[in-house]
Protein backbone atom coordinates (compact mmCIF):
# COMPACT_ATOMS: atom_id res chain seq x y z
CA MET A 1 0.35 -0.47 -0.04
CA THR A 2 2.94 2.50 0.25
CA ARG A 3 3.31 1.94 -3.59
CA ILE A 4 0.42 4.11 -4.17
CA THR A 5 0.88 7.66 -5.64
CA ILE A 6 -2.21 9.17 -6.43
CA GLY A 7 -2.72 12.15 -3.96
CA GLN A 8 1.56 12.24 -4.08
CA PHE A 9 3.10 16.01 -5.59
CA TYR A 10 6.46 15.52 -6.63
CA PRO A 11 7.73 19.11 -6.85
CA THR A 12 10.31 20.07 -9.98
CA ASN A 13 10.10 23.13 -12.39
CA SER A 14 8.58 21.75 -15.53
CA VAL A 15 6.21 22.89 -17.91
CA ILE A 16 3.47 20.97 -17.33
CA HIS A 17 4.15 22.18 -13.11
CA ARG A 18 3.48 25.20 -14.46
CA LEU A 19 0.48 25.39 -16.48
CA ASP A 20 -3.14 26.59 -14.52
CA PRO A 21 -4.22 24.02 -12.03
CA ARG A 22 -7.82 24.73 -14.39
CA VAL A 23 -6.01 23.68 -17.67
CA LYS A 24 -4.88 20.23 -16.07
CA LEU A 25 -8.21 19.16 -14.74
CA LEU A 26 -9.94 20.09 -17.91
CA GLY A 27 -7.19 18.42 -19.82
CA THR A 28 -7.28 15.35 -17.31
CA ILE A 29 -11.60 15.08 -18.25
CA PHE A 30 -10.75 15.46 -21.75
CA TYR A 31 -8.08 12.42 -22.01
CA ILE A 32 -10.31 10.16 -19.88
CA THR A 33 -13.45 11.08 -22.01
CA ALA A 34 -10.49 10.78 -25.06
CA LEU A 35 -9.83 6.72 -23.93
CA LEU A 36 -13.56 5.79 -23.35
CA PHE A 37 -13.35 6.37 -27.35
CA ALA A 38 -11.01 3.97 -28.17
CA ASN A 39 -11.61 0.92 -29.28
CA HIS A 40 -8.79 -0.05 -31.97
CA PHE A 41 -5.10 -0.74 -30.83
CA ALA A 42 -4.30 2.35 -32.94
CA GLY A 43 -6.14 5.01 -30.85
CA TYR A 44 -4.10 3.50 -27.62
CA GLY A 45 -0.78 3.27 -29.67
CA ILE A 46 -1.75 7.10 -29.69
CA ALA A 47 -2.90 7.30 -25.76
CA VAL A 48 0.40 6.10 -25.08
CA LEU A 49 3.13 8.24 -26.90
CA PHE A 50 0.73 10.98 -25.10
CA ILE A 51 1.17 9.54 -21.83
CA ALA A 52 4.75 8.76 -22.87
CA ALA A 53 5.47 12.72 -23.92
CA LEU A 54 3.62 13.95 -20.98
CA VAL A 55 6.07 12.02 -18.86
CA LYS A 56 9.06 13.18 -20.43
CA ILE A 57 8.15 16.99 -19.85
CA SER A 58 7.11 16.79 -16.62
CA LYS A 59 10.15 15.47 -15.62
CA VAL A 60 8.77 12.86 -12.71
CA PRO A 61 9.88 9.67 -12.19
CA PRO A 62 8.97 6.99 -14.97
CA ARG A 63 9.38 4.53 -11.70
CA LEU A 64 7.07 6.87 -9.69
CA LEU A 65 4.49 6.50 -11.88
CA PHE A 66 4.37 2.53 -12.53
CA ARG A 67 5.27 1.43 -8.84
CA GLY A 68 1.49 3.49 -8.39
CA LEU A 69 0.37 0.53 -10.98
CA ARG A 70 1.24 -2.57 -8.43
CA ALA A 71 -1.71 -1.04 -6.28
CA ILE A 72 -4.10 -1.96 -9.23
CA LEU A 73 -2.72 -5.24 -9.80
CA PHE A 74 -5.96 -7.16 -8.62
CA ILE A 75 -8.55 -5.16 -10.45
CA LEU A 76 -6.20 -5.59 -13.84
CA VAL A 77 -6.40 -9.19 -13.24
CA PHE A 78 -9.79 -9.25 -12.36
CA ALA A 79 -11.15 -6.99 -15.63
CA ALA A 80 -8.98 -9.00 -17.90
CA SER A 81 -10.34 -12.50 -16.66
CA ILE A 82 -13.89 -11.18 -17.26
CA ASN A 83 -13.25 -10.03 -20.10
CA LEU A 84 -10.86 -12.98 -21.57
CA PHE A 85 -13.31 -15.98 -20.66
CA LEU A 86 -16.64 -14.06 -20.99
CA THR A 87 -16.42 -12.63 -23.98
CA PRO A 88 -18.07 -14.80 -27.04
CA GLY A 89 -16.30 -14.90 -30.49
CA GLU A 90 -16.39 -17.46 -33.47
CA ASN A 91 -12.80 -17.69 -33.52
CA ILE A 92 -12.08 -20.22 -30.39
CA LEU A 93 -8.53 -20.80 -29.05
CA VAL A 94 -9.02 -22.90 -26.12
CA GLN A 95 -11.99 -24.25 -24.04
CA PHE A 96 -12.19 -25.04 -20.03
CA GLY A 97 -16.09 -26.82 -20.00
CA PHE A 98 -18.43 -23.59 -20.45
CA LEU A 99 -15.49 -21.67 -20.16
CA ARG A 100 -13.66 -20.76 -23.77
CA ILE A 101 -10.71 -18.13 -24.53
CA THR A 102 -11.61 -16.35 -28.02
CA ILE A 103 -9.82 -14.31 -29.79
CA GLU A 104 -12.12 -11.37 -29.69
CA GLY A 105 -11.78 -12.02 -25.96
CA VAL A 106 -7.96 -12.03 -25.90
CA ILE A 107 -8.02 -8.28 -27.96
CA LEU A 108 -10.79 -7.11 -25.17
CA ALA A 109 -8.88 -7.99 -22.21
CA ILE A 110 -5.63 -6.47 -24.08
CA GLN A 111 -7.48 -3.31 -24.25
CA MET A 112 -9.02 -3.12 -21.07
CA ILE A 113 -5.78 -3.64 -19.52
CA LEU A 114 -4.66 -0.74 -21.68
CA ARG A 115 -7.36 1.37 -20.71
CA LEU A 116 -7.45 0.69 -16.93
CA VAL A 117 -3.09 1.70 -16.73
CA LEU A 118 -3.59 4.62 -19.10
CA LEU A 119 -6.78 6.16 -17.00
CA VAL A 120 -4.47 5.62 -13.79
CA LEU A 121 -0.87 6.94 -15.30
CA GLY A 122 -2.69 10.03 -16.69
CA SER A 123 -4.55 10.78 -13.37
CA THR A 124 -1.15 10.09 -12.07
CA ILE A 125 0.14 12.57 -13.44
CA LEU A 126 -2.34 15.35 -12.39
CA THR A 127 -2.05 14.75 -8.60
CA LEU A 128 2.42 14.79 -9.22
CA THR A 129 2.19 17.78 -10.88
CA THR A 130 -0.27 19.72 -9.10
CA SER A 131 0.10 20.94 -5.83
CA PRO A 132 -3.16 20.09 -2.83
CA ILE A 133 -3.50 24.04 -2.54
CA GLN A 134 -3.53 24.39 -6.77
CA LEU A 135 -5.80 21.90 -6.58
CA THR A 136 -8.12 23.25 -4.16
CA ASP A 137 -8.15 26.59 -6.24
CA GLY A 138 -9.18 24.99 -9.67
CA ILE A 139 -11.70 22.78 -8.32
CA GLU A 140 -13.29 26.05 -6.44
CA SER A 141 -12.46 27.67 -10.10
CA LEU A 142 -14.21 25.51 -11.94
CA LEU A 143 -16.76 24.76 -9.70
CA SER A 144 -18.17 28.78 -9.32
CA PRO A 145 -20.96 28.79 -11.44
CA LEU A 146 -22.87 26.34 -9.45
CA LYS A 147 -22.35 28.97 -6.80
CA ARG A 148 -25.62 30.59 -8.21
CA LEU A 149 -27.58 27.52 -7.15
CA LYS A 150 -26.20 27.92 -3.99
CA VAL A 151 -23.82 25.17 -4.08
CA PRO A 152 -20.70 25.16 -1.78
CA SER A 153 -18.41 24.74 -4.44
CA HIS A 154 -15.15 26.33 -2.05
CA ASP A 155 -16.30 23.14 0.32
CA ILE A 156 -16.98 20.22 -2.19
CA ALA A 157 -13.28 21.59 -3.13
CA MET A 158 -12.07 21.53 -0.32
CA MET A 159 -13.29 18.52 0.93
CA MET A 160 -12.25 16.37 -2.67
CA THR A 161 -8.48 17.91 -2.01
CA ILE A 162 -8.18 16.87 1.08
CA ALA A 163 -9.62 13.19 0.83
CA LEU A 164 -7.03 12.86 -1.88
CA ARG A 165 -4.48 14.37 -0.19
CA PHE A 166 -5.07 11.90 2.58
CA ILE A 167 -4.88 8.52 0.55
CA PRO A 168 -1.19 8.31 1.23
CA THR A 169 -1.39 9.26 4.52
CA LEU A 170 -4.01 6.20 5.42
CA ALA A 171 -2.36 3.68 2.92
CA ASP A 172 0.92 4.49 5.04
CA GLU A 173 -1.03 4.24 8.63
CA THR A 174 -2.31 0.73 7.81
CA GLU A 175 0.90 -0.72 6.82
CA LYS A 176 2.56 0.65 9.84
CA ILE A 177 -0.63 -1.24 11.94
CA ILE A 178 -0.04 -4.30 9.83
CA LYS A 179 3.11 -4.66 10.45
CA ALA A 180 2.41 -3.83 14.32
CA GLN A 181 -0.22 -6.82 14.53
CA LYS A 182 2.22 -8.99 12.56
CA ALA A 183 5.21 -8.47 15.33
CA ARG A 184 2.49 -9.02 17.80
CA GLY A 185 1.74 -13.05 16.23
CA ALA A 186 -0.91 -12.10 14.18
CA ASP A 187 -1.87 -13.88 10.56
CA PHE A 188 -3.26 -11.85 7.67
CA ASP A 189 -2.01 -14.76 4.88
CA THR A 190 -2.73 -18.44 5.82
CA GLY A 191 -6.60 -19.51 6.48
CA SER A 192 -10.66 -19.67 5.15
CA LEU A 193 -11.76 -16.71 3.34
CA THR A 194 -13.50 -16.05 6.52
CA LYS A 195 -10.81 -16.23 8.76
CA ARG A 196 -8.99 -13.53 6.76
CA ALA A 197 -11.79 -11.40 6.62
CA LYS A 198 -12.05 -11.76 10.46
CA SER A 199 -8.43 -11.04 10.87
CA LEU A 200 -8.83 -7.55 8.82
CA ILE A 201 -10.65 -6.10 12.12
CA PRO A 202 -7.74 -5.64 14.12
CA ILE A 203 -6.85 -3.34 11.10
CA LEU A 204 -10.05 -1.38 10.54
CA VAL A 205 -10.63 -0.65 14.05
CA PRO A 206 -7.03 1.09 15.03
CA LEU A 207 -7.05 2.79 11.17
CA PHE A 208 -10.70 4.45 11.93
CA VAL A 209 -9.73 5.80 15.00
CA SER A 210 -6.76 7.22 13.67
CA ALA A 211 -8.65 8.98 10.48
CA PHE A 212 -10.86 10.13 13.43
CA LYS A 213 -8.12 11.63 14.98
CA ARG A 214 -6.38 13.17 12.29
CA ALA A 215 -9.83 14.70 11.43
CA ASP A 216 -10.14 16.38 14.30
CA GLU A 217 -5.99 17.71 14.38
CA LEU A 218 -7.30 19.01 10.53
CA ALA A 219 -10.48 20.50 12.12
CA THR A 220 -8.63 21.74 14.98
CA ALA A 221 -5.74 23.32 12.86
CA MET A 222 -8.23 25.14 10.61
CA GLU A 223 -10.53 27.05 13.18
CA ALA A 224 -7.29 27.80 15.21
CA ARG A 225 -6.18 29.62 11.75
CA CYS A 226 -9.47 31.43 11.47
CA TYR A 227 -10.79 29.19 8.63
CA ARG A 228 -14.06 29.92 7.04
CA GLY A 229 -14.87 28.87 4.11
CA ASP A 230 -14.94 31.15 0.99
CA ILE A 231 -16.95 33.85 3.45
CA ASN A 232 -14.53 37.31 2.08
CA ARG A 233 -11.41 35.29 1.01
CA THR A 234 -9.07 36.28 -0.53
CA LYS A 235 -6.26 34.70 -2.35
CA MET A 236 -2.66 35.44 -2.70
CA LYS A 237 -1.64 34.00 -6.11
CA GLN A 238 -4.20 34.90 -9.20
CA MET A 239 -4.68 32.06 -12.31
CA LYS A 240 -4.37 33.75 -15.03
CA ILE A 241 -4.35 31.68 -18.25
CA ILE A 242 -1.40 32.74 -20.46
CA ARG A 243 0.06 31.54 -23.77
CA THR A 244 1.44 28.21 -22.47
CA ASP A 245 -1.86 27.60 -20.92
CA ILE A 246 -4.06 27.86 -24.05
CA PHE A 247 -1.23 26.36 -26.13
CA ALA A 248 -1.48 22.91 -24.05
CA MET A 249 -5.55 23.46 -24.23
CA ASN A 250 -5.18 23.33 -27.73
CA ILE A 251 -2.76 20.15 -27.91
CA LEU A 252 -5.28 18.44 -25.84
CA ILE A 253 -8.30 18.82 -27.57
CA PHE A 254 -6.60 17.91 -30.52
CA PHE A 255 -5.56 14.30 -29.57
CA CYS A 256 -9.43 14.10 -28.05
CA ILE A 257 -10.09 14.68 -31.79
CA ILE A 258 -7.76 12.24 -33.08
CA MET A 259 -8.85 9.44 -30.14
CA ILE A 260 -12.44 10.48 -31.88
CA LEU A 261 -11.40 9.77 -34.91
CA THR A 262 -9.58 7.11 -34.73
CA ARG A 263 -12.93 4.96 -33.38
CA TRP A 264 -14.26 4.91 -37.33
CA ILE A 265 -11.02 5.51 -39.15
């Protein structure tokens, strides 16, 4: 669990780090939407090249990105297995009773793995290149039109950012609790499924206690600093869209158009 990279920030000086957070948030949304249109290996190949270029420009170590994929290894295996064995097709490769592996299933399983990996990498680049404060300001600015409908955009942005920021913290806390329980003789790797589920109770109870304690300490610290949400709140650094942001947005729109076209061409 200490390999979870979503929610972490990697400080360095790069073009992507200096982009406006609103551009990066909208770009991530466009990127995820474009991946949903991909249904051919040509589209996934373009997405791989696009992510590789982003990693190069962002100056984020590739090992830091791919380390986070180990946390979703079970999801990748499960999704690939479902598509591999349950996809109907005419070209049967192997058959085990009612289970059969077809060429269509193999292709769909590979595409599903590529899609999930690319989704995680794109989301991880966003958090690694954007600080929590910038994420809060960007989300709040994008949700600001909803204030006319009495939607607390600042509170929503703050809660989303805090939740994202505490993912690696809680993962690290879970790892410490597991090691402490193993040092006391706890066994989490053997036994039936029911026994393993019961063995998680000594982990979940202190984890929830620690999470509530951290939340209470955070609330106390915010109150001590006279935090009152967005009431008469000003910002030390104003967000401005510059030429670099416009250029990056045009590249993302061009990428989305190409991904959509690969669905029919």
